[in-house]
Amino acid sequence: MSGSTSTNRLSMMRTGMALSLLFATSFLACVAWGLVTPWPMHMHEAWTPLLPGFVWLTPAGFLIGLIESYLYGWWISVVFVPIYNRF
């Protein structure tokens, strides 16, 4: 290898979108799972401390959870990509 690092750099936009869509899709899948499984298998009790304002099975809670999941993907990207690209 020539030692060029330009091909190894992560794109902030691509990484942010990928992580945000991954987290939003995971949130949607978990909500769907919670709707079709019995009570002990729900994840909403874990989301309450992680997603401020999230309330299970309310339209506002669902929207807040979806938006916050999406924003967490961007937060990780904003922190991780510069560190990755630096080292």
N, C-alpha and C. Protein backbone atom coordinates (compact mmCIF):
# COMPACT_ATOMS: atom_id res chain seq x y z
N MET A 1 0.84 -1.18 0.00
CA MET A 1 0.00 0.00 0.00
C MET A 1 0.88 1.24 0.00
N SER A 2 0.37 2.30 -0.56
CA SER A 2 1.15 3.53 -0.73
C SER A 2 1.14 4.41 0.51
N GLY A 3 0.33 4.09 1.52
CA GLY A 3 0.26 4.91 2.73
C GLY A 3 -0.75 6.03 2.64
N SER A 4 -1.48 6.12 1.55
CA SER A 4 -2.50 7.16 1.41
C SER A 4 -3.69 6.82 2.29
N THR A 5 -4.13 7.79 3.07
CA THR A 5 -5.26 7.55 3.98
C THR A 5 -6.57 8.09 3.43
N SER A 6 -6.53 8.75 2.27
CA SER A 6 -7.76 9.36 1.75
C SER A 6 -8.82 8.31 1.41
N THR A 7 -8.42 7.11 1.04
CA THR A 7 -9.40 6.07 0.71
C THR A 7 -9.96 5.41 1.96
N ASN A 8 -9.32 5.61 3.11
CA ASN A 8 -9.77 4.99 4.36
C ASN A 8 -10.63 5.93 5.20
N ARG A 9 -10.90 7.12 4.73
CA ARG A 9 -11.66 8.10 5.50
C ARG A 9 -13.16 7.81 5.41
N LEU A 10 -13.84 8.03 6.51
CA LEU A 10 -15.29 7.88 6.53
C LEU A 10 -15.95 9.21 6.17
N SER A 11 -17.05 9.13 5.49
CA SER A 11 -17.85 10.31 5.17
C SER A 11 -18.83 10.56 6.32
N MET A 12 -18.83 11.79 6.82
CA MET A 12 -19.76 12.14 7.90
C MET A 12 -21.21 11.95 7.45
N MET A 13 -21.52 12.39 6.24
CA MET A 13 -22.89 12.30 5.73
C MET A 13 -23.33 10.84 5.58
N ARG A 14 -22.52 10.03 4.97
CA ARG A 14 -22.88 8.62 4.76
C ARG A 14 -22.99 7.86 6.07
N THR A 15 -22.04 8.08 6.95
CA THR A 15 -22.06 7.38 8.24
C THR A 15 -23.24 7.84 9.08
N GLY A 16 -23.50 9.16 9.09
CA GLY A 16 -24.62 9.69 9.86
C GLY A 16 -25.95 9.16 9.37
N MET A 17 -26.13 9.16 8.06
CA MET A 17 -27.39 8.64 7.50
C MET A 17 -27.53 7.14 7.76
N ALA A 18 -26.45 6.40 7.58
CA ALA A 18 -26.51 4.94 7.78
C ALA A 18 -26.85 4.60 9.22
N LEU A 19 -26.17 5.22 10.18
CA LEU A 19 -26.44 4.94 11.59
C LEU A 19 -27.84 5.41 11.99
N SER A 20 -28.22 6.57 11.52
CA SER A 20 -29.54 7.09 11.87
C SER A 20 -30.66 6.21 11.33
N LEU A 21 -30.53 5.77 10.10
CA LEU A 21 -31.55 4.88 9.54
C LEU A 21 -31.52 3.51 10.21
N LEU A 22 -30.34 3.03 10.58
CA LEU A 22 -30.25 1.77 11.32
C LEU A 22 -30.98 1.87 12.65
N PHE A 23 -30.74 2.95 13.40
CA PHE A 23 -31.38 3.10 14.71
C PHE A 23 -32.89 3.32 14.58
N ALA A 24 -33.31 4.11 13.60
CA ALA A 24 -34.74 4.35 13.40
C ALA A 24 -35.45 3.06 12.98
N THR A 25 -34.83 2.29 12.10
CA THR A 25 -35.40 1.01 11.68
C THR A 25 -35.46 0.03 12.85
N SER A 26 -34.42 0.02 13.66
CA SER A 26 -34.40 -0.85 14.84
C SER A 26 -35.51 -0.46 15.82
N PHE A 27 -35.71 0.85 16.00
CA PHE A 27 -36.79 1.32 16.86
C PHE A 27 -38.14 0.84 16.34
N LEU A 28 -38.37 1.00 15.04
CA LEU A 28 -39.63 0.54 14.43
C LEU A 28 -39.82 -0.96 14.60
N ALA A 29 -38.74 -1.72 14.41
CA ALA A 29 -38.83 -3.17 14.57
C ALA A 29 -39.14 -3.55 16.01
N CYS A 30 -38.54 -2.84 16.96
CA CYS A 30 -38.81 -3.13 18.37
C CYS A 30 -40.24 -2.78 18.76
N VAL A 31 -40.77 -1.69 18.23
CA VAL A 31 -42.16 -1.33 18.50
C VAL A 31 -43.08 -2.40 17.93
N ALA A 32 -42.82 -2.83 16.70
CA ALA A 32 -43.63 -3.89 16.09
C ALA A 32 -43.53 -5.17 16.91
N TRP A 33 -42.33 -5.49 17.36
CA TRP A 33 -42.14 -6.70 18.18
C TRP A 33 -42.94 -6.59 19.48
N GLY A 34 -42.91 -5.40 20.10
CA GLY A 34 -43.65 -5.20 21.34
C GLY A 34 -45.16 -5.30 21.16
N LEU A 35 -45.64 -5.00 19.96
CA LEU A 35 -47.08 -5.09 19.71
C LEU A 35 -47.56 -6.51 19.47
N VAL A 36 -46.67 -7.40 19.04
CA VAL A 36 -47.10 -8.77 18.71
C VAL A 36 -46.65 -9.82 19.70
N THR A 37 -45.88 -9.45 20.71
CA THR A 37 -45.40 -10.42 21.68
C THR A 37 -46.04 -10.18 23.04
N PRO A 38 -46.02 -11.18 23.91
CA PRO A 38 -46.57 -11.00 25.25
C PRO A 38 -45.72 -10.04 26.09
N TRP A 39 -46.30 -9.57 27.16
CA TRP A 39 -45.72 -8.54 28.03
C TRP A 39 -44.26 -8.74 28.41
N PRO A 40 -43.79 -9.87 28.90
CA PRO A 40 -42.41 -9.94 29.41
C PRO A 40 -41.34 -9.72 28.34
N MET A 41 -41.70 -9.77 27.08
CA MET A 41 -40.70 -9.66 26.03
C MET A 41 -40.61 -8.25 25.45
N HIS A 42 -41.23 -7.26 26.05
CA HIS A 42 -41.22 -5.89 25.53
C HIS A 42 -39.91 -5.18 25.88
N MET A 43 -39.54 -4.23 25.04
CA MET A 43 -38.32 -3.44 25.25
C MET A 43 -38.60 -2.04 25.77
N HIS A 44 -39.86 -1.64 25.87
CA HIS A 44 -40.14 -0.24 26.19
C HIS A 44 -39.62 0.20 27.55
N GLU A 45 -39.47 -0.72 28.47
CA GLU A 45 -38.94 -0.34 29.78
C GLU A 45 -37.47 0.06 29.69
N ALA A 46 -36.74 -0.49 28.73
CA ALA A 46 -35.34 -0.11 28.52
C ALA A 46 -35.24 1.23 27.80
N TRP A 47 -36.23 1.57 26.98
CA TRP A 47 -36.17 2.81 26.21
C TRP A 47 -36.43 4.04 27.05
N THR A 48 -37.23 3.93 28.09
CA THR A 48 -37.63 5.10 28.88
C THR A 48 -36.43 5.91 29.36
N PRO A 49 -35.38 5.29 29.93
CA PRO A 49 -34.24 6.11 30.35
C PRO A 49 -33.36 6.57 29.17
N LEU A 50 -33.42 5.86 28.06
CA LEU A 50 -32.58 6.20 26.90
C LEU A 50 -33.20 7.23 25.97
N LEU A 51 -34.52 7.28 25.94
CA LEU A 51 -35.23 8.18 25.05
C LEU A 51 -36.12 9.12 25.87
N PRO A 52 -35.60 10.26 26.30
CA PRO A 52 -36.40 11.18 27.12
C PRO A 52 -37.69 11.59 26.42
N GLY A 53 -38.79 11.50 27.13
CA GLY A 53 -40.09 11.86 26.58
C GLY A 53 -40.83 10.70 25.94
N PHE A 54 -40.17 9.54 25.83
CA PHE A 54 -40.80 8.37 25.23
C PHE A 54 -41.83 7.79 26.18
N VAL A 55 -43.04 7.56 25.67
CA VAL A 55 -44.12 6.90 26.41
C VAL A 55 -44.67 5.82 25.51
N TRP A 56 -44.75 4.60 26.02
CA TRP A 56 -45.18 3.45 25.24
C TRP A 56 -46.61 3.61 24.74
N LEU A 57 -46.80 3.35 23.47
CA LEU A 57 -48.09 3.30 22.79
C LEU A 57 -48.88 4.62 22.80
N THR A 58 -48.17 5.72 22.72
CA THR A 58 -48.83 6.99 22.48
C THR A 58 -48.26 7.56 21.18
N PRO A 59 -49.06 8.27 20.41
CA PRO A 59 -48.53 8.84 19.16
C PRO A 59 -47.34 9.77 19.39
N ALA A 60 -47.44 10.63 20.41
CA ALA A 60 -46.33 11.54 20.71
C ALA A 60 -45.09 10.76 21.16
N GLY A 61 -45.28 9.75 21.99
CA GLY A 61 -44.17 8.93 22.45
C GLY A 61 -43.49 8.19 21.32
N PHE A 62 -44.30 7.68 20.40
CA PHE A 62 -43.76 6.98 19.23
C PHE A 62 -42.92 7.93 18.38
N LEU A 63 -43.45 9.12 18.11
CA LEU A 63 -42.75 10.09 17.29
C LEU A 63 -41.46 10.56 17.98
N ILE A 64 -41.53 10.81 19.26
CA ILE A 64 -40.34 11.22 20.02
C ILE A 64 -39.28 10.12 19.97
N GLY A 65 -39.69 8.88 20.19
CA GLY A 65 -38.75 7.76 20.15
C GLY A 65 -38.10 7.61 18.79
N LEU A 66 -38.88 7.75 17.74
CA LEU A 66 -38.35 7.63 16.38
C LEU A 66 -37.35 8.76 16.09
N ILE A 67 -37.71 9.98 16.44
CA ILE A 67 -36.82 11.12 16.20
C ILE A 67 -35.53 11.00 17.03
N GLU A 68 -35.67 10.64 18.28
CA GLU A 68 -34.48 10.51 19.13
C GLU A 68 -33.58 9.37 18.67
N SER A 69 -34.16 8.27 18.21
CA SER A 69 -33.36 7.18 17.68
C SER A 69 -32.56 7.65 16.47
N TYR A 70 -33.21 8.40 15.60
CA TYR A 70 -32.55 8.94 14.42
C TYR A 70 -31.41 9.89 14.83
N LEU A 71 -31.68 10.76 15.79
CA LEU A 71 -30.67 11.72 16.23
C LEU A 71 -29.50 11.05 16.94
N TYR A 72 -29.73 9.95 17.64
CA TYR A 72 -28.63 9.21 18.26
C TYR A 72 -27.65 8.71 17.20
N GLY A 73 -28.15 8.31 16.05
CA GLY A 73 -27.27 7.88 14.97
C GLY A 73 -26.36 9.01 14.52
N TRP A 74 -26.93 10.21 14.40
CA TRP A 74 -26.11 11.37 14.02
C TRP A 74 -25.12 11.73 15.11
N TRP A 75 -25.54 11.64 16.37
CA TRP A 75 -24.64 11.95 17.48
C TRP A 75 -23.42 11.03 17.45
N ILE A 76 -23.65 9.75 17.27
CA ILE A 76 -22.53 8.81 17.21
C ILE A 76 -21.64 9.14 16.02
N SER A 77 -22.22 9.47 14.90
CA SER A 77 -21.44 9.81 13.71
C SER A 77 -20.59 11.06 13.95
N VAL A 78 -21.18 12.09 14.55
CA VAL A 78 -20.45 13.33 14.80
C VAL A 78 -19.27 13.11 15.74
N VAL A 79 -19.41 12.18 16.67
CA VAL A 79 -18.31 11.90 17.59
C VAL A 79 -17.31 10.91 16.97
N PHE A 80 -17.81 9.86 16.34
CA PHE A 80 -16.94 8.77 15.87
C PHE A 80 -16.15 9.09 14.61
N VAL A 81 -16.79 9.68 13.60
CA VAL A 81 -16.13 9.89 12.30
C VAL A 81 -14.87 10.74 12.42
N PRO A 82 -14.88 11.89 13.10
CA PRO A 82 -13.64 12.65 13.21
C PRO A 82 -12.53 11.89 13.93
N ILE A 83 -12.91 11.13 14.96
CA ILE A 83 -11.90 10.34 15.68
C ILE A 83 -11.33 9.27 14.75
N TYR A 84 -12.18 8.58 14.04
CA TYR A 84 -11.74 7.55 13.09
C TYR A 84 -10.82 8.16 12.02
N ASN A 85 -11.27 9.26 11.44
CA ASN A 85 -10.49 9.89 10.38
C ASN A 85 -9.16 10.45 10.88
N ARG A 86 -9.12 10.83 12.13
CA ARG A 86 -7.87 11.37 12.70
C ARG A 86 -6.84 10.26 12.88
N PHE A 87 -7.28 9.10 13.36
CA PHE A 87 -6.32 8.03 13.64
C PHE A 87 -6.30 7.00 12.55
